[in-house]
Amino acid sequence: MDNENLVLRIEHENWGEFGPGIWESTIWKIYGDLRMEIFLTADLGNDKKKKQTKISQKDFDYILDLLKQSEKDDRKVEALDGSAWEIKRYQGKTLVWERKKAHIYGIRSLEVLSGFLYKLAGIKKIN
């Protein structure tokens, strides 16, 4: 799909151990017309899944509200491994906010967002 009306690109990546059968990353692309694409990668890149769905306006607005709060709450989190999140928010083709790939531990708005995204995707939350 084109990125014409891409509003959000959110990536959750494993920063821990890798090996056969291990989850590597999940990417959400959310568009202005409420389409959502989810890409799940595991097993050293050998297991790739793609899911497409439509979300409600209420869910879309909730995600944006959480992101606006996270822009205020964002801070550097120190951890040795685990997983990291990267968030890009667009207006048209312009990147209007970006959170570089990093841990979200203790940032309440981002922890809530992470659980909500996995719930929307119908995937068990990965920590």
N, C-alpha and C. Protein backbone atom coordinates (compact mmCIF):
# COMPACT_ATOMS: atom_id res chain seq x y z
N MET A 1 0.84 -1.18 0.00
CA MET A 1 0.00 0.00 0.00
C MET A 1 0.88 1.24 0.00
N ASP A 2 0.35 2.28 -0.58
CA ASP A 2 1.13 3.51 -0.63
C ASP A 2 1.14 4.17 0.74
N ASN A 3 2.05 5.07 0.91
CA ASN A 3 2.16 5.80 2.17
C ASN A 3 1.53 7.18 2.07
N GLU A 4 0.64 7.38 1.10
CA GLU A 4 0.02 8.68 0.88
C GLU A 4 -0.63 9.24 2.14
N ASN A 5 -1.41 8.44 2.83
CA ASN A 5 -2.09 8.97 4.01
C ASN A 5 -1.63 8.24 5.28
N LEU A 6 -0.36 7.84 5.31
CA LEU A 6 0.22 7.22 6.49
C LEU A 6 0.27 8.25 7.61
N VAL A 7 -0.31 7.90 8.76
CA VAL A 7 -0.31 8.80 9.91
C VAL A 7 0.69 8.34 10.96
N LEU A 8 0.77 7.02 11.16
CA LEU A 8 1.67 6.48 12.18
C LEU A 8 2.42 5.27 11.66
N ARG A 9 3.68 5.19 12.02
CA ARG A 9 4.47 3.98 11.82
C ARG A 9 5.12 3.70 13.16
N ILE A 10 4.75 2.58 13.76
CA ILE A 10 5.21 2.23 15.09
C ILE A 10 5.89 0.88 15.02
N GLU A 11 7.11 0.80 15.53
CA GLU A 11 7.85 -0.46 15.49
C GLU A 11 8.25 -0.88 16.90
N HIS A 12 8.03 -2.15 17.20
CA HIS A 12 8.45 -2.76 18.45
C HIS A 12 9.48 -3.81 18.08
N GLU A 13 10.67 -3.70 18.62
CA GLU A 13 11.77 -4.57 18.21
C GLU A 13 12.41 -5.27 19.41
N ASN A 14 12.75 -6.53 19.21
CA ASN A 14 13.44 -7.32 20.22
C ASN A 14 14.88 -6.84 20.35
N TRP A 15 15.26 -6.44 21.55
CA TRP A 15 16.65 -6.08 21.82
C TRP A 15 17.30 -7.11 22.73
N GLY A 16 16.70 -8.27 22.81
CA GLY A 16 17.22 -9.35 23.65
C GLY A 16 17.85 -10.43 22.79
N GLU A 17 17.68 -11.67 23.22
CA GLU A 17 18.26 -12.80 22.50
C GLU A 17 17.54 -13.07 21.19
N PHE A 18 18.30 -13.54 20.21
CA PHE A 18 17.75 -13.97 18.93
C PHE A 18 18.09 -15.42 18.72
N GLY A 19 17.24 -16.09 17.97
CA GLY A 19 17.48 -17.47 17.64
C GLY A 19 16.26 -18.05 16.96
N PRO A 20 16.31 -19.31 16.61
CA PRO A 20 15.18 -19.95 15.93
C PRO A 20 13.90 -19.83 16.77
N GLY A 21 12.83 -19.41 16.12
CA GLY A 21 11.53 -19.31 16.76
C GLY A 21 11.31 -18.08 17.61
N ILE A 22 12.31 -17.24 17.76
CA ILE A 22 12.22 -16.05 18.62
C ILE A 22 11.61 -14.88 17.85
N TRP A 23 10.71 -14.14 18.52
CA TRP A 23 10.10 -12.94 17.94
C TRP A 23 11.18 -11.88 17.72
N GLU A 24 11.10 -11.19 16.57
CA GLU A 24 12.06 -10.14 16.25
C GLU A 24 11.45 -8.75 16.28
N SER A 25 10.30 -8.58 15.59
CA SER A 25 9.72 -7.24 15.55
C SER A 25 8.25 -7.29 15.14
N THR A 26 7.55 -6.23 15.51
CA THR A 26 6.18 -5.99 15.08
C THR A 26 6.12 -4.54 14.62
N ILE A 27 5.53 -4.32 13.45
CA ILE A 27 5.39 -2.97 12.91
C ILE A 27 3.91 -2.72 12.63
N TRP A 28 3.44 -1.56 13.06
CA TRP A 28 2.08 -1.12 12.75
C TRP A 28 2.19 0.08 11.83
N LYS A 29 1.39 0.08 10.77
CA LYS A 29 1.22 1.25 9.93
C LYS A 29 -0.26 1.61 9.99
N ILE A 30 -0.54 2.82 10.42
CA ILE A 30 -1.92 3.26 10.58
C ILE A 30 -2.13 4.46 9.67
N TYR A 31 -3.19 4.37 8.87
CA TYR A 31 -3.47 5.37 7.84
C TYR A 31 -4.66 6.24 8.25
N GLY A 32 -4.75 7.40 7.62
CA GLY A 32 -5.82 8.36 7.89
C GLY A 32 -7.20 7.82 7.60
N ASP A 33 -7.32 6.84 6.71
CA ASP A 33 -8.63 6.25 6.40
C ASP A 33 -8.95 5.08 7.34
N LEU A 34 -8.18 4.97 8.44
CA LEU A 34 -8.38 3.98 9.51
C LEU A 34 -7.93 2.56 9.15
N ARG A 35 -7.21 2.41 8.05
CA ARG A 35 -6.61 1.10 7.74
C ARG A 35 -5.41 0.90 8.66
N MET A 36 -5.19 -0.33 9.05
CA MET A 36 -4.02 -0.66 9.85
C MET A 36 -3.39 -1.92 9.28
N GLU A 37 -2.09 -1.86 9.06
CA GLU A 37 -1.32 -3.02 8.62
C GLU A 37 -0.38 -3.39 9.75
N ILE A 38 -0.27 -4.68 10.02
CA ILE A 38 0.62 -5.18 11.05
C ILE A 38 1.57 -6.19 10.41
N PHE A 39 2.85 -6.01 10.66
CA PHE A 39 3.88 -6.90 10.14
C PHE A 39 4.60 -7.52 11.32
N LEU A 40 4.63 -8.84 11.39
CA LEU A 40 5.26 -9.57 12.48
C LEU A 40 6.39 -10.42 11.91
N THR A 41 7.58 -10.30 12.50
CA THR A 41 8.74 -11.05 12.03
C THR A 41 9.33 -11.86 13.18
N ALA A 42 9.65 -13.11 12.91
CA ALA A 42 10.25 -14.01 13.91
C ALA A 42 11.15 -15.01 13.21
N ASP A 43 11.78 -15.86 14.02
CA ASP A 43 12.58 -16.99 13.51
C ASP A 43 13.67 -16.55 12.55
N LEU A 44 14.46 -15.56 12.99
CA LEU A 44 15.59 -15.06 12.19
C LEU A 44 15.16 -14.60 10.80
N GLY A 45 13.97 -13.99 10.72
CA GLY A 45 13.45 -13.47 9.46
C GLY A 45 12.76 -14.50 8.59
N ASN A 46 12.74 -15.75 9.02
CA ASN A 46 12.12 -16.81 8.22
C ASN A 46 10.61 -16.87 8.38
N ASP A 47 10.08 -16.26 9.42
CA ASP A 47 8.64 -16.28 9.67
C ASP A 47 8.13 -14.84 9.64
N LYS A 48 7.49 -14.49 8.55
CA LYS A 48 6.95 -13.14 8.38
C LYS A 48 5.45 -13.23 8.13
N LYS A 49 4.71 -12.43 8.91
CA LYS A 49 3.26 -12.42 8.75
C LYS A 49 2.80 -10.99 8.55
N LYS A 50 1.74 -10.83 7.77
CA LYS A 50 1.16 -9.52 7.54
C LYS A 50 -0.35 -9.64 7.78
N LYS A 51 -0.88 -8.66 8.48
CA LYS A 51 -2.31 -8.63 8.76
C LYS A 51 -2.82 -7.23 8.42
N GLN A 52 -4.00 -7.17 7.85
CA GLN A 52 -4.63 -5.88 7.55
C GLN A 52 -5.99 -5.84 8.21
N THR A 53 -6.33 -4.71 8.76
CA THR A 53 -7.62 -4.55 9.41
C THR A 53 -8.02 -3.08 9.35
N LYS A 54 -9.18 -2.80 9.84
CA LYS A 54 -9.68 -1.43 9.92
C LYS A 54 -9.97 -1.16 11.39
N ILE A 55 -9.59 0.01 11.87
CA ILE A 55 -9.87 0.37 13.25
C ILE A 55 -10.97 1.42 13.29
N SER A 56 -11.56 1.58 14.44
CA SER A 56 -12.62 2.58 14.58
C SER A 56 -12.03 3.97 14.76
N GLN A 57 -12.82 4.98 14.50
CA GLN A 57 -12.38 6.35 14.73
C GLN A 57 -12.06 6.56 16.21
N LYS A 58 -12.84 5.94 17.07
CA LYS A 58 -12.62 6.04 18.52
C LYS A 58 -11.25 5.48 18.90
N ASP A 59 -10.89 4.32 18.34
CA ASP A 59 -9.57 3.71 18.61
C ASP A 59 -8.44 4.58 18.05
N PHE A 60 -8.65 5.12 16.85
CA PHE A 60 -7.65 5.99 16.23
C PHE A 60 -7.42 7.23 17.10
N ASP A 61 -8.50 7.84 17.56
CA ASP A 61 -8.39 9.04 18.41
C ASP A 61 -7.69 8.70 19.73
N TYR A 62 -7.99 7.53 20.28
CA TYR A 62 -7.36 7.11 21.53
C TYR A 62 -5.85 6.95 21.35
N ILE A 63 -5.44 6.34 20.24
CA ILE A 63 -4.01 6.20 19.94
C ILE A 63 -3.35 7.56 19.84
N LEU A 64 -3.98 8.49 19.13
CA LEU A 64 -3.41 9.83 18.99
C LEU A 64 -3.33 10.54 20.34
N ASP A 65 -4.35 10.37 21.18
CA ASP A 65 -4.32 10.97 22.52
C ASP A 65 -3.16 10.42 23.35
N LEU A 66 -2.96 9.10 23.30
CA LEU A 66 -1.85 8.49 24.02
C LEU A 66 -0.51 9.01 23.50
N LEU A 67 -0.41 9.18 22.18
CA LEU A 67 0.85 9.68 21.61
C LEU A 67 1.11 11.12 22.01
N LYS A 68 0.07 11.94 22.02
CA LYS A 68 0.25 13.33 22.44
C LYS A 68 0.71 13.38 23.89
N GLN A 69 0.16 12.52 24.73
CA GLN A 69 0.61 12.46 26.13
C GLN A 69 2.04 11.96 26.20
N SER A 70 2.38 10.98 25.37
CA SER A 70 3.73 10.42 25.41
C SER A 70 4.77 11.44 24.95
N GLU A 71 4.39 12.35 24.07
CA GLU A 71 5.32 13.39 23.65
C GLU A 71 5.73 14.25 24.85
N LYS A 72 4.82 14.44 25.79
CA LYS A 72 5.12 15.20 27.00
C LYS A 72 5.90 14.35 28.01
N ASP A 73 5.56 13.05 28.09
CA ASP A 73 6.14 12.15 29.09
C ASP A 73 7.48 11.56 28.68
N ASP A 74 7.82 11.64 27.42
CA ASP A 74 8.97 10.91 26.89
C ASP A 74 10.26 11.28 27.62
N ARG A 75 11.06 10.27 27.86
CA ARG A 75 12.36 10.47 28.49
C ARG A 75 13.23 9.27 28.15
N LYS A 76 14.51 9.40 28.40
CA LYS A 76 15.43 8.29 28.15
C LYS A 76 15.29 7.26 29.26
N VAL A 77 15.21 5.99 28.87
CA VAL A 77 15.08 4.89 29.82
C VAL A 77 16.31 4.00 29.67
N GLU A 78 16.98 3.75 30.78
CA GLU A 78 18.17 2.89 30.77
C GLU A 78 17.77 1.45 31.03
N ALA A 79 18.19 0.54 30.18
CA ALA A 79 17.97 -0.90 30.36
C ALA A 79 19.02 -1.63 29.53
N LEU A 80 19.32 -2.85 29.92
CA LEU A 80 20.37 -3.60 29.22
C LEU A 80 19.85 -4.37 28.01
N ASP A 81 18.63 -4.86 28.09
CA ASP A 81 18.05 -5.56 26.95
C ASP A 81 16.54 -5.51 27.10
N GLY A 82 15.85 -6.34 26.39
CA GLY A 82 14.39 -6.32 26.41
C GLY A 82 13.88 -5.98 25.02
N SER A 83 13.08 -4.93 24.95
CA SER A 83 12.57 -4.53 23.64
C SER A 83 12.52 -3.01 23.56
N ALA A 84 12.44 -2.51 22.35
CA ALA A 84 12.46 -1.07 22.12
C ALA A 84 11.36 -0.68 21.15
N TRP A 85 10.93 0.56 21.25
CA TRP A 85 9.86 1.10 20.41
C TRP A 85 10.34 2.32 19.66
N GLU A 86 9.92 2.43 18.40
CA GLU A 86 10.16 3.61 17.58
C GLU A 86 8.81 4.08 17.06
N ILE A 87 8.57 5.38 17.13
CA ILE A 87 7.28 5.92 16.70
C ILE A 87 7.52 7.10 15.78
N LYS A 88 6.81 7.09 14.66
CA LYS A 88 6.85 8.22 13.72
C LYS A 88 5.42 8.62 13.42
N ARG A 89 5.15 9.93 13.59
CA ARG A 89 3.81 10.46 13.29
C ARG A 89 3.95 11.45 12.14
N TYR A 90 3.08 11.29 11.15
CA TYR A 90 3.13 12.09 9.94
C TYR A 90 1.88 12.95 9.79
N GLN A 91 2.06 14.07 9.14
CA GLN A 91 0.94 14.89 8.68
C GLN A 91 1.20 15.10 7.20
N GLY A 92 0.36 14.48 6.38
CA GLY A 92 0.68 14.44 4.96
C GLY A 92 1.93 13.60 4.80
N LYS A 93 2.89 14.11 4.05
CA LYS A 93 4.15 13.39 3.89
C LYS A 93 5.23 13.90 4.84
N THR A 94 4.85 14.82 5.73
CA THR A 94 5.81 15.44 6.63
C THR A 94 5.86 14.72 7.98
N LEU A 95 7.05 14.37 8.40
CA LEU A 95 7.25 13.78 9.71
C LEU A 95 7.11 14.89 10.74
N VAL A 96 6.11 14.77 11.64
CA VAL A 96 5.85 15.84 12.61
C VAL A 96 6.33 15.49 14.02
N TRP A 97 6.54 14.20 14.31
CA TRP A 97 7.10 13.80 15.60
C TRP A 97 7.73 12.44 15.45
N GLU A 98 8.85 12.27 16.11
CA GLU A 98 9.53 10.97 16.07
C GLU A 98 10.12 10.66 17.44
N ARG A 99 9.92 9.43 17.85
CA ARG A 99 10.60 8.91 19.03
C ARG A 99 11.58 7.87 18.51
N LYS A 100 12.84 8.17 18.68
CA LYS A 100 13.87 7.23 18.22
C LYS A 100 13.75 5.91 18.99
N LYS A 101 14.20 4.85 18.38
CA LYS A 101 14.08 3.51 18.96
C LYS A 101 14.75 3.46 20.33
N ALA A 102 13.94 3.14 21.35
CA ALA A 102 14.44 3.08 22.73
C ALA A 102 13.43 2.33 23.59
N HIS A 103 13.82 2.06 24.82
CA HIS A 103 12.94 1.40 25.78
C HIS A 103 11.82 2.34 26.22
N ILE A 104 10.69 1.74 26.65
CA ILE A 104 9.57 2.56 27.13
C ILE A 104 9.22 2.26 28.58
N TYR A 105 10.02 1.44 29.25
CA TYR A 105 9.72 1.02 30.62
C TYR A 105 9.48 2.23 31.52
N GLY A 106 8.35 2.23 32.23
CA GLY A 106 8.03 3.30 33.16
C GLY A 106 7.38 4.53 32.55
N ILE A 107 7.23 4.56 31.23
CA ILE A 107 6.53 5.68 30.57
C ILE A 107 5.10 5.21 30.36
N ARG A 108 4.23 5.58 31.28
CA ARG A 108 2.87 5.03 31.36
C ARG A 108 2.10 5.13 30.03
N SER A 109 2.10 6.29 29.40
CA SER A 109 1.33 6.47 28.16
C SER A 109 1.81 5.52 27.07
N LEU A 110 3.11 5.28 26.99
CA LEU A 110 3.64 4.37 25.98
C LEU A 110 3.40 2.91 26.35
N GLU A 111 3.43 2.59 27.63
CA GLU A 111 3.11 1.22 28.05
C GLU A 111 1.65 0.89 27.75
N VAL A 112 0.75 1.85 27.99
CA VAL A 112 -0.66 1.65 27.67
C VAL A 112 -0.84 1.51 26.17
N LEU A 113 -0.16 2.37 25.41
CA LEU A 113 -0.24 2.31 23.94
C LEU A 113 0.23 0.95 23.43
N SER A 114 1.31 0.43 23.98
CA SER A 114 1.84 -0.84 23.50
C SER A 114 0.82 -1.97 23.68
N GLY A 115 0.20 -2.02 24.84
CA GLY A 115 -0.81 -3.05 25.08
C GLY A 115 -2.02 -2.87 24.17
N PHE A 116 -2.43 -1.64 23.95
CA PHE A 116 -3.58 -1.36 23.10
C PHE A 116 -3.32 -1.76 21.65
N LEU A 117 -2.12 -1.48 21.14
CA LEU A 117 -1.78 -1.85 19.77
C LEU A 117 -1.81 -3.36 19.58
N TYR A 118 -1.27 -4.10 20.53
CA TYR A 118 -1.30 -5.56 20.42
C TYR A 118 -2.73 -6.08 20.51
N LYS A 119 -3.55 -5.46 21.34
CA LYS A 119 -4.96 -5.85 21.44
C LYS A 119 -5.67 -5.63 20.11
N LEU A 120 -5.46 -4.46 19.50
CA LEU A 120 -6.07 -4.17 18.20
C LEU A 120 -5.63 -5.16 17.13
N ALA A 121 -4.36 -5.57 17.21
CA ALA A 121 -3.81 -6.48 16.22
C ALA A 121 -4.27 -7.92 16.46
N GLY A 122 -4.84 -8.18 17.64
CA GLY A 122 -5.24 -9.55 17.97
C GLY A 122 -4.05 -10.45 18.24
N ILE A 123 -2.98 -9.85 18.75
CA ILE A 123 -1.75 -10.59 19.03
C ILE A 123 -1.47 -10.47 20.52
N LYS A 124 -1.02 -11.55 21.13
CA LYS A 124 -0.63 -11.49 22.54
C LYS A 124 0.51 -10.51 22.68
N LYS A 125 0.44 -9.65 23.70
CA LYS A 125 1.47 -8.63 23.91
C LYS A 125 2.83 -9.28 24.14
N ILE A 126 3.82 -8.74 23.48
CA ILE A 126 5.20 -9.21 23.59
C ILE A 126 5.98 -8.18 24.39
N ASN A 127 6.69 -8.59 25.39
CA ASN A 127 7.47 -7.64 26.21
C ASN A 127 8.92 -7.63 25.80
